[in-house]
Amino acid sequence: MKNLHIRFLGERSLFRNLAMPGTDVADACVANRTRAIYGLLGNILGLWRNFDDAENFDLAPELERWITENQLMIKRVDYPSDPEIRILGQHRHKDTTNYMKPGKSGSKNLTYHWDVQLDVVVALFEKGAAELEAAVRQPVGTPYLGQSNCPAQVILVK
């Protein structure tokens, strides 16, 4: 098993509970948001769910398989206990039941976290660690801190 310390830096973030559109939640308690961390890693690796599947909004089966095969464990998540949070205002919001139904979304006050640094330490098999290291250096997809308009810079911390 190898440990990797990955740092996500962003101007702002809006973390989601699940790695899927339509369930964004602003939450300072990122340590309890395991699936959001999986979603970040999935974006880096290019393992996305099928966006045409209107029934399954969960993590991509390929990502879940990758996590299982490499026995990925999240060992630590460091996130500021009191990030600066500013009200963004009205934002289109859909929950999972309304995500695919046009015209069913309403406005909802959401908050962004500003000047974000998220440190994640994971342990996994050597093969998966090498793959993840390569993807951190040259991500297949853009890692977003929640909403798709919150891209993150990703670095390996030695």
C-alpha atoms as a PDB file:
ATOM      1  CA  MET A   1       0.000   0.000   0.000  1.00  0.00           C
ATOM      2  CA  LYS A   2       1.204   3.476  -0.825  1.00  0.00           C
ATOM      3  CA  ASN A   3       0.055   6.779   0.669  1.00  0.00           C
ATOM      4  CA  LEU A   4      -0.596   9.779  -1.567  1.00  0.00           C
ATOM      5  CA  HIS A   5      -1.177  13.297  -0.282  1.00  0.00           C
ATOM      6  CA  ILE A   6      -3.203  15.270  -2.822  1.00  0.00           C
ATOM      7  CA  ARG A   7      -3.973  18.972  -2.439  1.00  0.00           C
ATOM      8  CA  PHE A   8      -6.883  20.671  -4.179  1.00  0.00           C
ATOM      9  CA  LEU A   9      -6.674  24.464  -4.404  1.00  0.00           C
ATOM     10  CA  GLY A  10      -9.529  26.599  -5.587  1.00  0.00           C
ATOM     11  CA  GLU A  11     -10.845  30.116  -5.580  1.00  0.00           C
ATOM     12  CA  ARG A  12     -14.196  28.762  -4.437  1.00  0.00           C
ATOM     13  CA  SER A  13     -16.087  25.547  -3.874  1.00  0.00           C
ATOM     14  CA  LEU A  14     -19.533  24.132  -3.372  1.00  0.00           C
ATOM     15  CA  PHE A  15     -19.125  20.528  -2.272  1.00  0.00           C
ATOM     16  CA  ARG A  16     -21.683  17.945  -3.200  1.00  0.00           C
ATOM     17  CA  ASN A  17     -22.714  14.915  -1.218  1.00  0.00           C
ATOM     18  CA  LEU A  18     -22.750  12.678  -4.287  1.00  0.00           C
ATOM     19  CA  ALA A  19     -20.587  12.943  -7.361  1.00  0.00           C
ATOM     20  CA  MET A  20     -23.466  13.921  -9.603  1.00  0.00           C
ATOM     21  CA  PRO A  21     -25.232  17.004 -10.862  1.00  0.00           C
ATOM     22  CA  GLY A  22     -28.332  18.158  -9.050  1.00  0.00           C
ATOM     23  CA  THR A  23     -27.361  17.322  -5.485  1.00  0.00           C
ATOM     24  CA  ASP A  24     -24.964  20.124  -4.676  1.00  0.00           C
ATOM     25  CA  VAL A  25     -24.714  21.008  -1.018  1.00  0.00           C
ATOM     26  CA  ALA A  26     -22.580  23.663   0.645  1.00  0.00           C
ATOM     27  CA  ASP A  27     -21.067  21.920   3.636  1.00  0.00           C
ATOM     28  CA  ALA A  28     -17.963  22.657   5.678  1.00  0.00           C
ATOM     29  CA  CYS A  29     -17.851  19.066   6.935  1.00  0.00           C
ATOM     30  CA  VAL A  30     -16.074  17.658   3.885  1.00  0.00           C
ATOM     31  CA  ALA A  31     -14.506  14.909   6.005  1.00  0.00           C
ATOM     32  CA  ASN A  32     -17.894  13.175   5.980  1.00  0.00           C
ATOM     33  CA  ARG A  33     -18.276  13.588   2.228  1.00  0.00           C
ATOM     34  CA  THR A  34     -16.431  10.458   1.086  1.00  0.00           C
ATOM     35  CA  ARG A  35     -18.377  10.249  -2.150  1.00  0.00           C
ATOM     36  CA  ALA A  36     -17.492  13.847  -3.006  1.00  0.00           C
ATOM     37  CA  ILE A  37     -13.810  12.923  -2.644  1.00  0.00           C
ATOM     38  CA  TYR A  38     -14.385   9.852  -4.840  1.00  0.00           C
ATOM     39  CA  GLY A  39     -16.029  12.159  -7.386  1.00  0.00           C
ATOM     40  CA  LEU A  40     -12.986  14.456  -7.393  1.00  0.00           C
ATOM     41  CA  LEU A  41     -10.691  11.494  -7.975  1.00  0.00           C
ATOM     42  CA  GLY A  42     -13.044  10.175 -10.667  1.00  0.00           C
ATOM     43  CA  ASN A  43     -12.865  13.491 -12.523  1.00  0.00           C
ATOM     44  CA  ILE A  44      -9.066  13.399 -12.412  1.00  0.00           C
ATOM     45  CA  LEU A  45      -9.008   9.807 -13.701  1.00  0.00           C
ATOM     46  CA  GLY A  46     -11.708  10.404 -16.325  1.00  0.00           C
ATOM     47  CA  LEU A  47     -14.051   7.814 -14.800  1.00  0.00           C
ATOM     48  CA  TRP A  48     -17.459   9.466 -15.116  1.00  0.00           C
ATOM     49  CA  ARG A  49     -20.954   8.143 -14.744  1.00  0.00           C
ATOM     50  CA  ASN A  50     -23.161   7.763 -17.816  1.00  0.00           C
ATOM     51  CA  PHE A  51     -24.900  11.135 -18.087  1.00  0.00           C
ATOM     52  CA  ASP A  52     -27.482   9.656 -20.461  1.00  0.00           C
ATOM     53  CA  ASP A  53     -28.673   7.223 -17.794  1.00  0.00           C
ATOM     54  CA  ALA A  54     -31.709   8.906 -16.237  1.00  0.00           C
ATOM     55  CA  GLU A  55     -32.065   6.144 -13.622  1.00  0.00           C
ATOM     56  CA  ASN A  56     -28.602   5.950 -12.103  1.00  0.00           C
ATOM     57  CA  PHE A  57     -27.119   9.112 -10.613  1.00  0.00           C
ATOM     58  CA  ASP A  58     -24.553   7.341  -8.450  1.00  0.00           C
ATOM     59  CA  LEU A  59     -20.798   7.026  -8.912  1.00  0.00           C
ATOM     60  CA  ALA A  60     -19.661   5.496 -12.185  1.00  0.00           C
ATOM     61  CA  PRO A  61     -19.377   1.692 -12.032  1.00  0.00           C
ATOM     62  CA  GLU A  62     -15.877   2.045 -13.535  1.00  0.00           C
ATOM     63  CA  LEU A  63     -14.877   4.351 -10.673  1.00  0.00           C
ATOM     64  CA  GLU A  64     -16.357   2.030  -8.044  1.00  0.00           C
ATOM     65  CA  ARG A  65     -14.516  -0.892  -9.658  1.00  0.00           C
ATOM     66  CA  TRP A  66     -11.244   1.109  -9.685  1.00  0.00           C
ATOM     67  CA  ILE A  67     -11.690   1.981  -5.988  1.00  0.00           C
ATOM     68  CA  THR A  68     -12.334  -1.672  -5.102  1.00  0.00           C
ATOM     69  CA  GLU A  69      -9.508  -3.103  -7.236  1.00  0.00           C
ATOM     70  CA  ASN A  70      -6.989  -0.693  -5.732  1.00  0.00           C
ATOM     71  CA  GLN A  71      -8.436  -0.910  -2.212  1.00  0.00           C
ATOM     72  CA  LEU A  72      -8.517   2.875  -2.003  1.00  0.00           C
ATOM     73  CA  MET A  73      -8.883   4.162   1.542  1.00  0.00           C
ATOM     74  CA  ILE A  74      -9.303   7.805   2.444  1.00  0.00           C
ATOM     75  CA  LYS A  75      -7.021   8.182   5.439  1.00  0.00           C
ATOM     76  CA  ARG A  76      -7.382  11.894   6.094  1.00  0.00           C
ATOM     77  CA  VAL A  77      -9.253  14.920   4.825  1.00  0.00           C
ATOM     78  CA  ASP A  78      -8.093  18.332   6.008  1.00  0.00           C
ATOM     79  CA  TYR A  79     -10.385  21.223   5.346  1.00  0.00           C
ATOM     80  CA  PRO A  80     -10.629  24.539   7.227  1.00  0.00           C
ATOM     81  CA  SER A  81     -13.053  24.170  10.115  1.00  0.00           C
ATOM     82  CA  ASP A  82     -14.467  27.622   9.447  1.00  0.00           C
ATOM     83  CA  PRO A  83     -14.056  28.504   5.769  1.00  0.00           C
ATOM     84  CA  GLU A  84     -15.223  31.899   4.695  1.00  0.00           C
ATOM     85  CA  ILE A  85     -18.680  31.344   3.240  1.00  0.00           C
ATOM     86  CA  ARG A  86     -20.461  34.019   1.245  1.00  0.00           C
ATOM     87  CA  ILE A  87     -24.023  33.843   0.040  1.00  0.00           C
ATOM     88  CA  LEU A  88     -24.019  33.604  -3.719  1.00  0.00           C
ATOM     89  CA  GLY A  89     -27.701  34.348  -4.182  1.00  0.00           C
ATOM     90  CA  GLN A  90     -30.235  32.522  -6.269  1.00  0.00           C
ATOM     91  CA  HIS A  91     -29.050  29.507  -8.196  1.00  0.00           C
ATOM     92  CA  ARG A  92     -30.949  26.975 -10.254  1.00  0.00           C
ATOM     93  CA  HIS A  93     -31.370  23.844  -8.177  1.00  0.00           C
ATOM     94  CA  LYS A  94     -32.794  20.414  -8.937  1.00  0.00           C
ATOM     95  CA  ASP A  95     -32.918  17.436  -6.645  1.00  0.00           C
ATOM     96  CA  THR A  96     -32.431  13.910  -7.969  1.00  0.00           C
ATOM     97  CA  THR A  97     -36.145  13.330  -8.583  1.00  0.00           C
ATOM     98  CA  ASN A  98     -36.419  16.474 -10.688  1.00  0.00           C
ATOM     99  CA  TYR A  99     -33.037  16.438 -12.377  1.00  0.00           C
ATOM    100  CA  MET A 100     -34.285  15.077 -15.706  1.00  0.00           C
ATOM    101  CA  LYS A 101     -37.609  16.918 -15.695  1.00  0.00           C
ATOM    102  CA  PRO A 102     -37.347  20.305 -17.410  1.00  0.00           C
ATOM    103  CA  GLY A 103     -39.093  23.212 -15.721  1.00  0.00           C
ATOM    104  CA  LYS A 104     -39.265  21.531 -12.319  1.00  0.00           C
ATOM    105  CA  SER A 105     -36.313  23.303 -10.745  1.00  0.00           C
ATOM    106  CA  GLY A 106     -36.663  26.274  -8.475  1.00  0.00           C
ATOM    107  CA  SER A 107     -34.253  28.814  -7.132  1.00  0.00           C
ATOM    108  CA  LYS A 108     -32.413  28.089  -3.924  1.00  0.00           C
ATOM    109  CA  ASN A 109     -29.935  30.118  -1.902  1.00  0.00           C
ATOM    110  CA  LEU A 110     -26.557  28.463  -2.088  1.00  0.00           C
ATOM    111  CA  THR A 111     -23.249  29.402  -0.534  1.00  0.00           C
ATOM    112  CA  TYR A 112     -19.744  29.100  -1.831  1.00  0.00           C
ATOM    113  CA  HIS A 113     -16.606  28.491   0.215  1.00  0.00           C
ATOM    114  CA  TRP A 114     -13.838  30.903  -0.841  1.00  0.00           C
ATOM    115  CA  ASP A 115     -10.036  30.442  -1.037  1.00  0.00           C
ATOM    116  CA  VAL A 116     -10.240  26.702  -0.557  1.00  0.00           C
ATOM    117  CA  GLN A 117      -7.453  24.279   0.247  1.00  0.00           C
ATOM    118  CA  LEU A 118      -8.506  20.665   0.568  1.00  0.00           C
ATOM    119  CA  ASP A 119      -5.869  18.089   1.562  1.00  0.00           C
ATOM    120  CA  VAL A 120      -6.689  14.433   1.004  1.00  0.00           C
ATOM    121  CA  VAL A 121      -4.451  11.532   2.023  1.00  0.00           C
ATOM    122  CA  VAL A 122      -5.298   8.189   0.470  1.00  0.00           C
ATOM    123  CA  ALA A 123      -3.773   4.713   0.710  1.00  0.00           C
ATOM    124  CA  LEU A 124      -3.990   2.286  -2.193  1.00  0.00           C
ATOM    125  CA  PHE A 125      -2.117  -0.447  -4.062  1.00  0.00           C
ATOM    126  CA  GLU A 126       1.086   0.546  -5.888  1.00  0.00           C
ATOM    127  CA  LYS A 127      -0.457   0.087  -9.361  1.00  0.00           C
ATOM    128  CA  GLY A 128      -3.399   2.364  -8.548  1.00  0.00           C
ATOM    129  CA  ALA A 129      -1.093   4.868  -6.841  1.00  0.00           C
ATOM    130  CA  ALA A 130       1.045   5.108  -9.988  1.00  0.00           C
ATOM    131  CA  GLU A 131      -2.077   5.620 -12.107  1.00  0.00           C
ATOM    132  CA  LEU A 132      -3.466   8.272  -9.747  1.00  0.00           C
ATOM    133  CA  GLU A 133      -0.098  10.060  -9.536  1.00  0.00           C
ATOM    134  CA  ALA A 134       0.074  10.257 -13.327  1.00  0.00           C
ATOM    135  CA  ALA A 135      -3.503  11.546 -13.471  1.00  0.00           C
ATOM    136  CA  VAL A 136      -2.810  14.218 -10.852  1.00  0.00           C
ATOM    137  CA  ARG A 137       0.136  15.436 -12.921  1.00  0.00           C
ATOM    138  CA  GLN A 138      -1.936  15.363 -16.117  1.00  0.00           C
ATOM    139  CA  PRO A 139      -5.656  14.976 -15.293  1.00  0.00           C
ATOM    140  CA  VAL A 140      -7.891  13.281 -17.818  1.00  0.00           C
ATOM    141  CA  GLY A 141     -10.784  15.468 -16.669  1.00  0.00           C
ATOM    142  CA  THR A 142     -11.051  18.747 -14.807  1.00  0.00           C
ATOM    143  CA  PRO A 143     -11.431  18.338 -11.045  1.00  0.00           C
ATOM    144  CA  TYR A 144     -14.188  20.579  -9.762  1.00  0.00           C
ATOM    145  CA  LEU A 145     -14.758  21.533  -6.135  1.00  0.00           C
ATOM    146  CA  GLY A 146     -18.462  20.843  -6.354  1.00  0.00           C
ATOM    147  CA  GLN A 147     -20.094  22.911  -9.043  1.00  0.00           C
ATOM    148  CA  SER A 148     -18.699  22.790 -12.554  1.00  0.00           C
ATOM    149  CA  ASN A 149     -17.796  26.474 -12.363  1.00  0.00           C
ATOM    150  CA  CYS A 150     -15.353  25.830  -9.474  1.00  0.00           C
ATOM    151  CA  PRO A 151     -12.281  24.208 -11.061  1.00  0.00           C
ATOM    152  CA  ALA A 152      -9.439  23.174  -8.769  1.00  0.00           C
ATOM    153  CA  GLN A 153      -5.694  23.111  -9.141  1.00  0.00           C
ATOM    154  CA  VAL A 154      -4.381  19.712  -8.073  1.00  0.00           C
ATOM    155  CA  ILE A 155      -0.890  18.967  -6.772  1.00  0.00           C
ATOM    156  CA  LEU A 156       0.904  16.068  -5.100  1.00  0.00           C
ATOM    157  CA  VAL A 157       2.389  16.986  -1.732  1.00  0.00           C
ATOM    158  CA  LYS A 158       5.610  15.178  -0.886  1.00  0.00           C
END
